[in-house]
C-alpha atoms as a PDB file:
ATOM      1  CA  MET A   1     -21.087  -7.265   0.379  1.00  0.00           C
ATOM      2  CA  PHE A   2     -19.014  -9.251   3.358  1.00  0.00           C
ATOM      3  CA  TRP A   3     -22.376 -11.179   4.449  1.00  0.00           C
ATOM      4  CA  LYS A   4     -22.840 -12.270   0.371  1.00  0.00           C
ATOM      5  CA  ILE A   5     -19.029 -13.050   0.642  1.00  0.00           C
ATOM      6  CA  ILE A   6     -18.950 -15.466   3.184  1.00  0.00           C
ATOM      7  CA  LYS A   7     -22.721 -17.292   2.142  1.00  0.00           C
ATOM      8  CA  GLU A   8     -20.951 -18.386  -1.258  1.00  0.00           C
ATOM      9  CA  LEU A   9     -17.220 -19.778   0.795  1.00  0.00           C
ATOM     10  CA  LYS A  10     -19.567 -21.660   2.638  1.00  0.00           C
ATOM     11  CA  GLU A  11     -21.573 -22.944   0.075  1.00  0.00           C
ATOM     12  CA  HIS A  12     -18.524 -23.968  -1.807  1.00  0.00           C
ATOM     13  CA  ALA A  13     -16.877 -25.455   0.575  1.00  0.00           C
ATOM     14  CA  PRO A  14     -18.078 -28.925   0.827  1.00  0.00           C
ATOM     15  CA  PHE A  15     -17.570 -29.205  -3.291  1.00  0.00           C
ATOM     16  CA  THR A  16     -13.489 -27.865  -2.515  1.00  0.00           C
ATOM     17  CA  PHE A  17     -13.095 -30.086  -0.172  1.00  0.00           C
ATOM     18  CA  MET A  18     -14.372 -33.277  -2.048  1.00  0.00           C
ATOM     19  CA  GLY A  19     -12.591 -32.250  -4.943  1.00  0.00           C
ATOM     20  CA  ALA A  20      -9.282 -32.015  -2.959  1.00  0.00           C
ATOM     21  CA  PHE A  21     -10.217 -35.428  -1.152  1.00  0.00           C
ATOM     22  CA  LEU A  22     -10.559 -37.342  -4.798  1.00  0.00           C
ATOM     23  CA  GLY A  23      -7.589 -35.932  -6.132  1.00  0.00           C
ATOM     24  CA  ILE A  24      -5.253 -36.645  -3.531  1.00  0.00           C
ATOM     25  CA  LEU A  25      -6.064 -40.339  -3.761  1.00  0.00           C
ATOM     26  CA  THR A  26      -4.661 -39.976  -7.331  1.00  0.00           C
ATOM     27  CA  VAL A  27      -1.255 -39.051  -5.906  1.00  0.00           C
ATOM     28  CA  PHE A  28       0.499 -42.112  -5.473  1.00  0.00           C
ATOM     29  CA  PHE A  29      -0.817 -42.760  -9.071  1.00  0.00           C
ATOM     30  CA  LEU A  30       1.163 -39.561 -10.144  1.00  0.00           C
ATOM     31  CA  LYS A  31       4.078 -39.900  -8.326  1.00  0.00           C
ATOM     32  CA  LYS A  32       4.685 -42.870 -10.706  1.00  0.00           C
ATOM     33  CA  LEU A  33       5.061 -40.573 -13.474  1.00  0.00           C
ATOM     34  CA  PRO A  34       7.866 -39.587 -14.869  1.00  0.00           C
ATOM     35  CA  ASP A  35       9.046 -36.006 -14.090  1.00  0.00           C
ATOM     36  CA  SER A  36       8.915 -34.927 -17.498  1.00  0.00           C
ATOM     37  CA  LEU A  37       4.961 -35.846 -18.097  1.00  0.00           C
ATOM     38  CA  THR A  38       4.320 -34.447 -14.750  1.00  0.00           C
ATOM     39  CA  PHE A  39       5.649 -31.410 -15.524  1.00  0.00           C
ATOM     40  CA  ASN A  40       3.814 -31.363 -18.858  1.00  0.00           C
ATOM     41  CA  LEU A  41       0.389 -32.403 -17.326  1.00  0.00           C
ATOM     42  CA  PHE A  42       0.813 -29.556 -15.606  1.00  0.00           C
ATOM     43  CA  TYR A  43       0.930 -27.217 -18.473  1.00  0.00           C
ATOM     44  CA  ILE A  44      -2.210 -28.639 -19.213  1.00  0.00           C
ATOM     45  CA  PHE A  45      -4.488 -28.222 -16.240  1.00  0.00           C
ATOM     46  CA  HIS A  46      -2.688 -25.071 -15.414  1.00  0.00           C
ATOM     47  CA  PRO A  47      -3.860 -22.848 -18.498  1.00  0.00           C
ATOM     48  CA  ALA A  48      -7.205 -24.825 -18.967  1.00  0.00           C
ATOM     49  CA  HIS A  49      -7.805 -22.873 -15.156  1.00  0.00           C
ATOM     50  CA  VAL A  50      -6.389 -19.416 -16.368  1.00  0.00           C
ATOM     51  CA  LEU A  51      -8.947 -20.021 -19.395  1.00  0.00           C
ATOM     52  CA  LEU A  52     -11.809 -21.230 -17.475  1.00  0.00           C
ATOM     53  CA  SER A  53     -10.982 -18.779 -14.742  1.00  0.00           C
ATOM     54  CA  ALA A  54     -11.053 -15.780 -17.029  1.00  0.00           C
ATOM     55  CA  PHE A  55     -14.680 -17.104 -19.022  1.00  0.00           C
ATOM     56  CA  VAL A  56     -16.153 -17.269 -15.612  1.00  0.00           C
ATOM     57  CA  THR A  57     -14.756 -13.915 -13.902  1.00  0.00           C
ATOM     58  CA  ALA A  58     -15.463 -11.897 -17.354  1.00  0.00           C
ATOM     59  CA  SER A  59     -18.937 -13.824 -17.862  1.00  0.00           C
ATOM     60  CA  MET A  60     -20.026 -12.761 -14.209  1.00  0.00           C
ATOM     61  CA  TYR A  61     -18.538  -9.245 -14.411  1.00  0.00           C
ATOM     62  CA  LYS A  62     -20.228  -7.973 -17.967  1.00  0.00           C
ATOM     63  CA  LEU A  63     -24.002  -9.650 -17.161  1.00  0.00           C
ATOM     64  CA  ASN A  64     -23.723  -7.797 -13.322  1.00  0.00           C
ATOM     65  CA  GLN A  65     -22.658  -4.885 -14.664  1.00  0.00           C
ATOM     66  CA  ASP A  66     -24.585  -2.254 -16.831  1.00  0.00           C
ATOM     67  CA  LYS A  67     -21.905  -0.433 -18.692  1.00  0.00           C
ATOM     68  CA  SER A  68     -18.938  -2.824 -19.528  1.00  0.00           C
ATOM     69  CA  ASN A  69     -16.612  -2.553 -22.627  1.00  0.00           C
ATOM     70  CA  ILE A  70     -14.333  -5.227 -23.921  1.00  0.00           C
ATOM     71  CA  ILE A  71     -11.347  -3.314 -22.181  1.00  0.00           C
ATOM     72  CA  LYS A  72     -12.635  -3.287 -18.485  1.00  0.00           C
ATOM     73  CA  VAL A  73     -13.836  -6.470 -18.514  1.00  0.00           C
ATOM     74  CA  LEU A  74     -10.129  -7.738 -19.861  1.00  0.00           C
ATOM     75  CA  LEU A  75      -8.465  -5.952 -17.351  1.00  0.00           C
ATOM     76  CA  VAL A  76     -11.098  -7.445 -14.434  1.00  0.00           C
ATOM     77  CA  ALA A  77     -10.985 -10.682 -15.506  1.00  0.00           C
ATOM     78  CA  GLY A  78      -7.369 -11.210 -17.002  1.00  0.00           C
ATOM     79  CA  ILE A  79      -5.806  -9.533 -14.017  1.00  0.00           C
ATOM     80  CA  GLY A  80      -7.887 -11.835 -11.948  1.00  0.00           C
ATOM     81  CA  SER A  81      -7.959 -15.085 -13.819  1.00  0.00           C
ATOM     82  CA  ILE A  82      -3.752 -15.283 -14.467  1.00  0.00           C
ATOM     83  CA  GLY A  83      -3.386 -13.846 -10.612  1.00  0.00           C
ATOM     84  CA  VAL A  84      -5.621 -16.164  -8.609  1.00  0.00           C
ATOM     85  CA  ALA A  85      -5.010 -19.058 -11.030  1.00  0.00           C
ATOM     86  CA  SER A  86      -1.189 -19.050 -10.188  1.00  0.00           C
ATOM     87  CA  LEU A  87      -1.956 -17.881  -6.457  1.00  0.00           C
ATOM     88  CA  SER A  88      -3.857 -21.320  -6.301  1.00  0.00           C
ATOM     89  CA  ASP A  89      -1.734 -23.489  -8.726  1.00  0.00           C
ATOM     90  CA  SER A  90       1.630 -22.550  -7.837  1.00  0.00           C
ATOM     91  CA  ILE A  91       1.780 -19.918  -5.097  1.00  0.00           C
ATOM     92  CA  LEU A  92       0.117 -21.258  -2.360  1.00  0.00           C
ATOM     93  CA  PRO A  93       1.071 -25.074  -3.143  1.00  0.00           C
ATOM     94  CA  TYR A  94       4.804 -24.039  -3.100  1.00  0.00           C
ATOM     95  CA  ILE A  95       4.184 -22.201  -0.099  1.00  0.00           C
ATOM     96  CA  GLY A  96       2.778 -25.405   1.337  1.00  0.00           C
ATOM     97  CA  GLU A  97       5.842 -27.617  -0.341  1.00  0.00           C
ATOM     98  CA  THR A  98       8.210 -25.445   1.666  1.00  0.00           C
ATOM     99  CA  LEU A  99       6.273 -25.522   4.593  1.00  0.00           C
ATOM    100  CA  LEU A 100       6.331 -29.204   4.825  1.00  0.00           C
ATOM    101  CA  HIS A 101       9.975 -29.292   3.581  1.00  0.00           C
ATOM    102  CA  LEU A 102       9.491 -31.067   0.544  1.00  0.00           C
ATOM    103  CA  PRO A 103      12.677 -32.435  -1.094  1.00  0.00           C
ATOM    104  CA  HIS A 104      11.848 -31.552  -4.995  1.00  0.00           C
ATOM    105  CA  ARG A 105       9.622 -27.769  -4.485  1.00  0.00           C
ATOM    106  CA  GLU A 106      10.144 -25.224  -7.164  1.00  0.00           C
ATOM    107  CA  LEU A 107       7.736 -22.389  -7.739  1.00  0.00           C
ATOM    108  CA  HIS A 108       6.062 -22.951 -11.627  1.00  0.00           C
ATOM    109  CA  LEU A 109       4.782 -19.481 -13.057  1.00  0.00           C
ATOM    110  CA  GLY A 110       2.792 -20.319 -15.871  1.00  0.00           C
ATOM    111  CA  PHE A 111       2.153 -16.414 -17.000  1.00  0.00           C
ATOM    112  CA  ILE A 112       5.961 -16.192 -17.263  1.00  0.00           C
ATOM    113  CA  GLU A 113       7.278 -19.917 -17.486  1.00  0.00           C
ATOM    114  CA  ARG A 114       4.467 -20.712 -20.249  1.00  0.00           C
ATOM    115  CA  TRP A 115       3.623 -17.393 -20.776  1.00  0.00           C
ATOM    116  CA  TYR A 116       3.122 -17.997 -24.696  1.00  0.00           C
ATOM    117  CA  ILE A 117       0.368 -20.689 -23.753  1.00  0.00           C
ATOM    118  CA  VAL A 118      -1.072 -18.827 -20.351  1.00  0.00           C
ATOM    119  CA  ASP A 119      -1.739 -15.511 -21.403  1.00  0.00           C
ATOM    120  CA  PRO A 120      -3.113 -15.641 -24.436  1.00  0.00           C
ATOM    121  CA  LEU A 121      -5.648 -18.098 -22.863  1.00  0.00           C
ATOM    122  CA  ALA A 122      -6.571 -15.690 -20.569  1.00  0.00           C
ATOM    123  CA  ILE A 123      -7.374 -13.596 -23.491  1.00  0.00           C
ATOM    124  CA  LEU A 124      -9.805 -15.972 -25.360  1.00  0.00           C
ATOM    125  CA  GLY A 125     -11.456 -16.732 -21.960  1.00  0.00           C
ATOM    126  CA  VAL A 126     -12.467 -12.883 -21.988  1.00  0.00           C
ATOM    127  CA  VAL A 127     -13.342 -13.046 -25.567  1.00  0.00           C
ATOM    128  CA  LEU A 128     -15.898 -15.786 -25.432  1.00  0.00           C
ATOM    129  CA  ALA A 129     -17.496 -14.628 -22.018  1.00  0.00           C
ATOM    130  CA  ASN A 130     -17.670 -11.023 -23.934  1.00  0.00           C
ATOM    131  CA  LEU A 131     -19.083 -12.693 -27.208  1.00  0.00           C
ATOM    132  CA  ARG A 132     -21.482 -15.014 -25.016  1.00  0.00           C
ATOM    133  CA  PRO A 133     -21.379 -14.637 -21.508  1.00  0.00           C
ATOM    134  CA  SER A 134     -22.659 -17.095 -19.231  1.00  0.00           C
ATOM    135  CA  THR A 135     -23.086 -17.395 -15.471  1.00  0.00           C
ATOM    136  CA  LYS A 136     -23.930 -20.774 -14.950  1.00  0.00           C
ATOM    137  CA  PHE A 137     -21.044 -23.181 -15.020  1.00  0.00           C
ATOM    138  CA  PRO A 138     -20.592 -26.108 -12.996  1.00  0.00           C
ATOM    139  CA  HIS A 139     -18.319 -25.367 -10.083  1.00  0.00           C
ATOM    140  CA  SER A 140     -17.070 -29.242 -10.059  1.00  0.00           C
ATOM    141  CA  GLY A 141     -15.027 -28.216 -13.783  1.00  0.00           C
ATOM    142  CA  HIS A 142     -13.468 -25.344 -11.712  1.00  0.00           C
ATOM    143  CA  ILE A 143     -13.212 -27.587  -9.024  1.00  0.00           C
ATOM    144  CA  PHE A 144     -11.455 -30.333 -10.946  1.00  0.00           C
ATOM    145  CA  VAL A 145      -8.791 -28.157 -13.099  1.00  0.00           C
ATOM    146  CA  SER A 146      -7.758 -26.283 -10.214  1.00  0.00           C
ATOM    147  CA  THR A 147      -7.235 -29.333  -7.885  1.00  0.00           C
ATOM    148  CA  ALA A 148      -5.575 -30.840 -10.811  1.00  0.00           C
ATOM    149  CA  ALA A 149      -3.267 -27.996 -11.632  1.00  0.00           C
ATOM    150  CA  SER A 150      -2.291 -27.470  -7.765  1.00  0.00           C
ATOM    151  CA  LEU A 151      -1.991 -31.590  -6.905  1.00  0.00           C
ATOM    152  CA  LEU A 152       0.353 -31.653  -9.922  1.00  0.00           C
ATOM    153  CA  HIS A 153       2.526 -28.771  -8.866  1.00  0.00           C
ATOM    154  CA  ILE A 154       2.778 -30.915  -5.280  1.00  0.00           C
ATOM    155  CA  VAL A 155       3.651 -33.595  -6.846  1.00  0.00           C
ATOM    156  CA  MET A 156       6.615 -32.359  -8.683  1.00  0.00           C
ATOM    157  CA  SER A 157       7.863 -31.651  -5.109  1.00  0.00           C
ATOM    158  CA  LEU A 158       7.799 -34.871  -3.487  1.00  0.00           C
ATOM    159  CA  GLY A 159      10.695 -36.958  -5.322  1.00  0.00           C
ATOM    160  CA  ALA A 160      11.143 -39.980  -3.597  1.00  0.00           C
ATOM    161  CA  ILE A 161       9.700 -39.221  -0.204  1.00  0.00           C
ATOM    162  CA  ALA A 162       7.603 -41.747   1.237  1.00  0.00           C
ATOM    163  CA  LEU A 163       3.855 -40.751   1.803  1.00  0.00           C
ATOM    164  CA  GLY A 164       2.560 -41.670   5.615  1.00  0.00           C
ATOM    165  CA  VAL A 165      -0.667 -40.691   7.079  1.00  0.00           C
ATOM    166  CA  PRO A 166       0.348 -37.377   8.484  1.00  0.00           C
ATOM    167  CA  LEU A 167       1.679 -36.323   4.799  1.00  0.00           C
ATOM    168  CA  PHE A 168      -1.339 -37.530   3.471  1.00  0.00           C
ATOM    169  CA  VAL A 169      -3.778 -35.236   5.441  1.00  0.00           C
ATOM    170  CA  GLU A 170      -1.462 -32.412   5.481  1.00  0.00           C
ATOM    171  CA  ILE A 171      -1.370 -32.340   1.284  1.00  0.00           C
ATOM    172  CA  THR A 172      -5.271 -32.917   1.257  1.00  0.00           C
ATOM    173  CA  PHE A 173      -5.481 -29.188   3.796  1.00  0.00           C
ATOM    174  CA  LEU A 174      -3.062 -27.591   1.510  1.00  0.00           C
ATOM    175  CA  LEU A 175      -5.106 -28.700  -1.223  1.00  0.00           C
ATOM    176  CA  PHE A 176      -8.055 -27.884   0.221  1.00  0.00           C
ATOM    177  CA  LEU A 177      -6.862 -24.135   0.894  1.00  0.00           C
ATOM    178  CA  SER A 178      -5.127 -24.135  -2.916  1.00  0.00           C
ATOM    179  CA  VAL A 179      -8.296 -24.531  -4.494  1.00  0.00           C
ATOM    180  CA  TRP A 180     -11.085 -22.906  -2.226  1.00  0.00           C
ATOM    181  CA  LEU A 181     -10.248 -19.445  -1.370  1.00  0.00           C
ATOM    182  CA  PRO A 182      -8.479 -18.324  -4.895  1.00  0.00           C
ATOM    183  CA  CYS A 183     -11.382 -19.794  -6.679  1.00  0.00           C
ATOM    184  CA  CYS A 184     -14.189 -18.411  -4.783  1.00  0.00           C
ATOM    185  CA  PHE A 185     -12.007 -15.400  -5.186  1.00  0.00           C
ATOM    186  CA  SER A 186     -12.102 -15.219  -9.027  1.00  0.00           C
ATOM    187  CA  ASP A 187     -15.156 -16.355  -9.602  1.00  0.00           C
ATOM    188  CA  ILE A 188     -17.431 -14.333  -7.285  1.00  0.00           C
ATOM    189  CA  VAL A 189     -15.593 -11.859  -4.722  1.00  0.00           C
ATOM    190  CA  PHE A 190     -12.597 -10.111  -7.219  1.00  0.00           C
ATOM    191  CA  PRO A 191     -15.601  -9.690  -9.912  1.00  0.00           C
ATOM    192  CA  LEU A 192     -17.975  -8.497  -7.067  1.00  0.00           C
ATOM    193  CA  LEU A 193     -15.141  -5.802  -6.187  1.00  0.00           C
ATOM    194  CA  PHE A 194     -16.001  -3.958  -9.361  1.00  0.00           C
ATOM    195  CA  ILE A 195     -20.034  -4.359  -9.138  1.00  0.00           C
ATOM    196  CA  LYS A 196     -22.059  -1.881  -7.114  1.00  0.00           C
ATOM    197  CA  GLY A 197     -25.644  -2.013  -6.565  1.00  0.00           C
ATOM    198  CA  LYS A 198     -27.055  -5.268  -7.857  1.00  0.00           C
ATOM    199  CA  ASP A 199     -28.310  -8.340  -6.717  1.00  0.00           C
ATOM    200  CA  VAL A 200     -25.325 -10.408  -8.350  1.00  0.00           C
ATOM    201  CA  LYS A 201     -25.549 -13.996 -10.056  1.00  0.00           C
ATOM    202  CA  CYS A 202     -23.244 -16.643  -8.896  1.00  0.00           C
ATOM    203  CA  SER A 203     -20.846 -18.378 -11.661  1.00  0.00           C
ATOM    204  CA  CYS A 204     -21.887 -21.932 -10.698  1.00  0.00           C
ATOM    205  CA  THR A 205     -24.737 -24.505 -10.698  1.00  0.00           C
ATOM    206  CA  CYS A 206     -23.792 -25.905  -7.219  1.00  0.00           C
ATOM    207  CA  CYS A 207     -25.752 -22.401  -6.029  1.00  0.00           C
ATOM    208  CA  HIS A 208     -29.371 -21.683  -5.535  1.00  0.00           C
ATOM    209  CA  HIS A 209     -29.502 -18.158  -6.777  1.00  0.00           C
END
């Protein structure tokens, strides 16, 4: 199990880094947007991340577990998607914002701050996966929505601060960590914790198994 997880992390790292690098290039544009619009955009991409994460996690668990019911799938995927999406989109970016002393840093937890949007979408993702599960979803899609949400959280904390090369590199690294480990944990590691004795199917098309 340990080596399966390590292999998946290695295979997903290049896709995640490319997504983080391309995402950071949009910072200069996003900084010019009004704060209210940036906040609203965050609450488009973060709920979309929760929905996608719930669907992929539930699909992987359901298709690799012989005996599963909607309650088990809901618990595994619901908790996994909300918890991991919050870690990726909010908690890790906020920790990075604090370490970088960004002026307008603030923690935005969607399942509390906008629970009426985020929580129902997690349930919807599980229901859709229970009706028609699929383990083949482009990893680039997950990377895109997760990177966008994490990036918007960071942009909200920047204020009028100048973006020099050191800060540019630091934010890129922060984005990479915020997306890579949580997304792989949500799609792969977390479901594997509840699956025993089977060759599992990865949940994205960038892998070859």
